[in-house]
Amino acid sequence: MMLSTRNEHRRRYPRTDSVDDKSDGPDDSADYSVDFAPCTSNDTVEPLPSPDAKPKEEFDGAAYSSKRDMTPLQERVNALTILPSAVFCLYYIFACKWMDGSAMRSVAPISSDTDSQDTGMGCFPLAMFPQFYSYPPLPVLALAFGIILHCPFSFLYHWKYAILMPPGIARIGHWSRRLDHSGIHICSAFWSYATSGSVAYFLLNLLYNGDCTYRQFEQKVQPRRNQIRILVSMLAYTAPLLCRGESDVFCRG
């Protein structure tokens, strides 16, 4: 009876679609496959930052310079204070002030009939330096050479470009300031020999300060790192004084 009822229902309500129409539409019975092969792309995916991670602090050149800015008058005075040390070094050497009085009196000036190679000491043959009795020791020359070499670079920066350049990266990254700091490292290297008298210690400091000088001319300026490196170079050339127990000289330096 159920079969007859079903046939009667099909007779009254025939289906409008045919089997042929199914070929025009998508085949719902088709098999679909998903490829789960790993991605072969060379692009690296950056990990998402942690919500608790603090953003990397960028260097603020204007804020750094604002704490150290000087007035034009202060910069000019700073430049002028560099000159007396260089002038004194020249006077100290050519006036033979590195010798004590008894040594200076015991040295005979070189005359035209005296061979300076026999005595090893004597007046330098220049009329403008009549008291230049002898060449100073190498540590004295190293000390004076470091000061005299740094003097023009530091004077140029403080007298001119520290006033002309605006505060911030423009002034910090200027070539004159880089040369000023490089001169400090070169001076520190020579002073390490002046205070120690050791060639090995001088070469060690020369390597370190040479690397610091190279880093002064990197495209990206890192003032905090450069200031720390200058401090290390200063401690390096004053350390021999403490090793010899010359704490009074260390404090005066």
Protein backbone atom coordinates (compact mmCIF):
# COMPACT_ATOMS: atom_id res chain seq x y z
CA MET A 1 0.00 0.00 0.00
CA MET A 2 2.89 2.34 0.78
CA LEU A 3 4.42 1.55 -2.59
CA SER A 4 1.24 2.52 -4.41
CA THR A 5 0.98 5.77 -2.49
CA ARG A 6 4.57 6.66 -3.41
CA ASN A 7 3.94 5.91 -7.09
CA GLU A 8 0.81 8.02 -7.01
CA HIS A 9 2.80 10.93 -5.55
CA ARG A 10 5.44 10.68 -8.27
CA ARG A 11 2.74 10.62 -10.94
CA ARG A 12 1.09 13.77 -9.64
CA TYR A 13 4.30 15.69 -8.94
CA PRO A 14 6.80 14.74 -11.60
CA ARG A 15 10.41 16.08 -11.36
CA THR A 16 11.22 18.88 -13.76
CA ASP A 17 14.97 18.23 -14.02
CA SER A 18 16.38 15.40 -16.00
CA VAL A 19 19.51 13.36 -15.74
CA ASP A 20 21.04 15.17 -18.69
CA ASP A 21 20.73 18.50 -16.93
CA LYS A 22 23.07 17.30 -14.23
CA SER A 23 25.98 17.32 -16.62
CA ASP A 24 25.70 21.12 -17.06
CA GLY A 25 26.19 21.91 -13.37
CA PRO A 26 28.95 21.06 -10.99
CA ASP A 27 29.29 17.52 -9.97
CA ASP A 28 28.68 17.40 -6.25
CA SER A 29 29.89 13.86 -6.13
CA ALA A 30 33.36 14.78 -7.49
CA ASP A 31 36.29 14.08 -5.24
CA TYR A 32 38.22 17.05 -3.95
CA SER A 33 41.77 16.78 -2.53
CA VAL A 34 43.76 19.28 -0.49
CA ASP A 35 47.52 19.52 -0.85
CA PHE A 36 49.09 19.80 2.55
CA ALA A 37 52.68 20.01 1.21
CA PRO A 38 54.91 22.44 3.10
CA CYS A 39 55.47 25.89 1.65
CA THR A 40 58.67 26.13 -0.36
CA SER A 41 58.85 29.92 -0.40
CA ASN A 42 62.14 31.53 0.70
CA ASP A 43 60.39 34.46 2.34
CA THR A 44 60.86 34.57 6.09
CA VAL A 45 57.94 35.41 8.26
CA GLU A 46 58.70 37.89 11.01
CA PRO A 47 57.30 36.86 14.38
CA LEU A 48 54.68 39.09 15.85
CA PRO A 49 55.98 41.27 18.69
CA SER A 50 54.92 40.33 22.14
CA PRO A 51 52.26 42.58 23.67
CA ASP A 52 54.52 43.13 26.68
CA ALA A 53 57.61 43.94 24.57
CA LYS A 54 58.77 47.54 24.74
CA PRO A 55 59.43 49.33 21.43
CA LYS A 56 63.08 49.86 20.60
CA GLU A 57 64.14 53.33 21.65
CA GLU A 58 65.58 55.35 18.79
CA PHE A 59 68.37 57.84 19.31
CA ASP A 60 67.10 61.39 19.65
CA GLY A 61 69.89 63.65 18.43
CA ALA A 62 68.10 66.86 19.37
CA ALA A 63 67.48 65.71 22.95
CA TYR A 64 71.08 64.51 23.28
CA SER A 65 72.49 67.81 22.05
CA SER A 66 70.14 69.94 24.11
CA LYS A 67 71.79 68.69 27.30
CA ARG A 68 75.25 69.63 26.03
CA ASP A 69 74.66 72.77 24.03
CA MET A 70 76.96 75.71 24.68
CA THR A 71 76.53 79.31 23.76
CA PRO A 72 78.72 80.68 20.94
CA LEU A 73 80.85 82.46 23.52
CA GLN A 74 81.40 79.25 25.47
CA GLU A 75 82.40 77.42 22.29
CA ARG A 76 84.89 80.14 21.41
CA VAL A 77 86.37 80.07 24.89
CA ASN A 78 86.57 76.30 24.69
CA ALA A 79 88.49 76.60 21.44
CA LEU A 80 90.91 79.15 22.90
CA THR A 81 91.71 76.96 25.91
CA ILE A 82 93.13 74.34 23.54
CA LEU A 83 95.88 76.58 22.19
CA PRO A 84 97.98 77.16 25.37
CA SER A 85 98.67 73.44 25.83
CA ALA A 86 100.05 73.11 22.29
CA VAL A 87 102.15 76.26 22.65
CA PHE A 88 103.50 75.09 25.99
CA CYS A 89 104.51 71.73 24.50
CA LEU A 90 106.57 73.48 21.83
CA TYR A 91 108.18 75.72 24.44
CA TYR A 92 108.82 72.78 26.77
CA ILE A 93 110.70 70.88 24.06
CA PHE A 94 112.64 73.63 22.30
CA ALA A 95 113.59 75.36 25.57
CA CYS A 96 114.76 72.00 26.92
CA LYS A 97 112.60 72.36 30.02
CA TRP A 98 112.38 68.59 30.31
CA MET A 99 116.00 68.65 31.57
CA ASP A 100 116.92 69.75 35.06
CA GLY A 101 119.25 72.65 35.67
CA SER A 102 122.37 70.60 36.44
CA ALA A 103 122.00 68.59 33.24
CA MET A 104 121.56 71.72 31.17
CA ARG A 105 124.70 73.33 32.67
CA SER A 106 126.76 70.22 32.01
CA VAL A 107 125.94 70.19 28.32
CA ALA A 108 128.20 72.24 26.07
CA PRO A 109 126.68 73.87 23.00
CA ILE A 110 127.70 72.58 19.62
CA SER A 111 130.26 74.75 17.91
CA SER A 112 131.38 74.66 14.34
CA ASP A 113 134.47 72.59 15.26
CA THR A 114 132.68 70.18 17.59
CA ASP A 115 131.12 66.99 16.37
CA SER A 116 127.73 66.51 17.97
CA GLN A 117 127.96 62.77 17.39
CA ASP A 118 130.87 62.52 19.83
CA THR A 119 129.00 63.93 22.80
CA GLY A 120 125.48 62.92 21.81
CA MET A 121 124.17 66.18 23.23
CA GLY A 122 124.52 69.82 22.38
CA CYS A 123 122.78 72.91 21.13
CA PHE A 124 120.51 72.36 18.19
CA PRO A 125 122.01 74.23 15.20
CA LEU A 126 119.25 76.83 14.92
CA ALA A 127 119.69 80.38 16.17
CA MET A 128 116.05 80.68 17.17
CA PHE A 129 116.39 77.75 19.60
CA PRO A 130 119.64 78.44 21.48
CA GLN A 131 118.63 76.32 24.49
CA PHE A 132 117.66 73.23 22.51
CA TYR A 133 120.56 71.26 23.93
CA SER A 134 119.32 67.79 23.11
CA TYR A 135 116.53 65.86 21.57
CA PRO A 136 114.02 64.89 24.27
CA PRO A 137 113.27 61.27 25.09
CA LEU A 138 110.61 59.51 23.04
CA PRO A 139 107.96 59.55 25.81
CA VAL A 140 108.26 63.35 26.01
CA LEU A 141 107.94 63.63 22.24
CA ALA A 142 104.94 61.29 22.25
CA LEU A 143 103.20 63.42 24.87
CA ALA A 144 103.79 66.64 22.94
CA PHE A 145 102.95 65.11 19.58
CA GLY A 146 99.57 63.88 20.81
CA ILE A 147 98.59 67.31 22.12
CA ILE A 148 99.83 69.21 19.06
CA LEU A 149 98.13 66.81 16.64
CA HIS A 150 94.74 67.05 18.35
CA CYS A 151 94.87 70.83 18.70
CA PRO A 152 93.89 71.96 15.14
CA PHE A 153 90.97 69.51 14.85
CA SER A 154 89.50 70.49 18.19
CA PHE A 155 90.02 74.21 17.59
CA LEU A 156 88.36 74.05 14.17
CA TYR A 157 85.26 72.31 15.51
CA HIS A 158 84.70 74.48 18.59
CA TRP A 159 85.61 77.79 16.95
CA LYS A 160 83.59 77.41 13.76
CA TYR A 161 81.36 74.41 13.14
CA ALA A 162 80.01 74.00 16.68
CA ILE A 163 78.54 77.47 16.22
CA LEU A 164 77.46 77.28 12.58
CA MET A 165 75.88 73.83 12.61
CA PRO A 166 72.40 73.46 14.16
CA PRO A 167 72.06 71.22 17.22
CA GLY A 168 71.19 67.58 16.70
CA ILE A 169 72.35 65.03 14.16
CA ALA A 170 73.68 67.71 11.81
CA ARG A 171 76.24 68.78 14.41
CA ILE A 172 76.93 65.37 15.93
CA GLY A 173 77.54 63.75 12.55
CA HIS A 174 79.59 66.59 11.08
CA TRP A 175 83.06 65.69 9.86
CA SER A 176 84.71 68.31 12.09
CA ARG A 177 83.29 66.73 15.24
CA ARG A 178 84.31 63.29 14.05
CA LEU A 179 87.86 64.58 13.52
CA ASP A 180 87.82 66.17 16.97
CA HIS A 181 86.97 62.85 18.63
CA SER A 182 89.40 61.00 16.38
CA GLY A 183 92.13 63.38 17.53
CA ILE A 184 91.31 62.48 21.14
CA HIS A 185 91.88 58.80 20.37
CA ILE A 186 95.14 59.48 18.52
CA CYS A 187 96.28 61.62 21.43
CA SER A 188 95.35 58.86 23.88
CA ALA A 189 97.40 56.33 21.95
CA PHE A 190 100.55 58.49 22.11
CA TRP A 191 99.93 59.35 25.74
CA SER A 192 99.84 55.65 26.59
CA TYR A 193 103.47 55.47 25.48
CA ALA A 194 104.31 58.70 27.30
CA THR A 195 103.02 57.36 30.61
CA SER A 196 104.24 53.78 30.25
CA GLY A 197 107.38 53.90 28.09
CA SER A 198 106.39 50.49 26.79
CA VAL A 199 106.23 49.85 23.06
CA ALA A 200 103.99 46.81 23.54
CA TYR A 201 101.52 48.80 25.64
CA PHE A 202 101.60 51.58 23.05
CA LEU A 203 100.80 49.15 20.22
CA LEU A 204 97.93 47.68 22.21
CA ASN A 205 96.45 51.13 22.76
CA LEU A 206 97.14 52.04 19.16
CA LEU A 207 95.03 49.11 17.96
CA TYR A 208 92.17 49.99 20.29
CA ASN A 209 92.18 53.70 19.48
CA GLY A 210 92.56 52.95 15.78
CA ASP A 211 89.37 50.91 15.92
CA CYS A 212 87.64 53.72 17.81
CA THR A 213 88.77 56.20 15.17
CA TYR A 214 87.35 53.98 12.45
CA ARG A 215 84.01 53.77 14.24
CA GLN A 216 83.87 57.55 14.50
CA PHE A 217 83.28 57.67 10.74
CA GLU A 218 80.47 55.13 10.57
CA GLN A 219 77.36 56.36 8.82
CA LYS A 220 75.22 55.99 11.93
CA VAL A 221 76.55 58.01 14.83
CA GLN A 222 76.37 56.41 18.28
CA PRO A 223 77.37 59.16 20.74
CA ARG A 224 76.92 57.12 23.92
CA ARG A 225 79.16 54.33 22.63
CA ASN A 226 81.74 56.85 21.43
CA GLN A 227 81.80 58.62 24.80
CA ILE A 228 82.36 55.30 26.59
CA ARG A 229 85.21 54.45 24.24
CA ILE A 230 86.85 57.82 24.89
CA LEU A 231 86.58 57.19 28.64
CA VAL A 232 88.24 53.78 28.23
CA SER A 233 91.09 55.33 26.23
CA MET A 234 91.64 57.91 28.97
CA LEU A 235 91.74 55.24 31.67
CA ALA A 236 94.19 53.25 29.54
CA TYR A 237 96.82 55.98 29.36
CA THR A 238 96.44 56.94 33.03
CA ALA A 239 96.57 53.35 34.32
CA PRO A 240 100.43 53.18 34.24
CA LEU A 241 100.56 56.11 36.63
CA LEU A 242 98.54 54.18 39.20
CA CYS A 243 100.63 51.07 38.66
CA ARG A 244 103.75 53.05 39.59
CA GLY A 245 102.03 54.54 42.63
CA GLU A 246 101.90 58.04 41.17
CA SER A 247 98.38 58.73 42.37
CA ASP A 248 99.12 62.45 42.80
CA VAL A 249 100.04 62.73 39.12
CA PHE A 250 96.93 60.73 38.23
CA CYS A 251 94.70 63.10 40.16
CA ARG A 252 96.31 66.17 38.60
CA GLY A 253 95.87 64.70 35.10
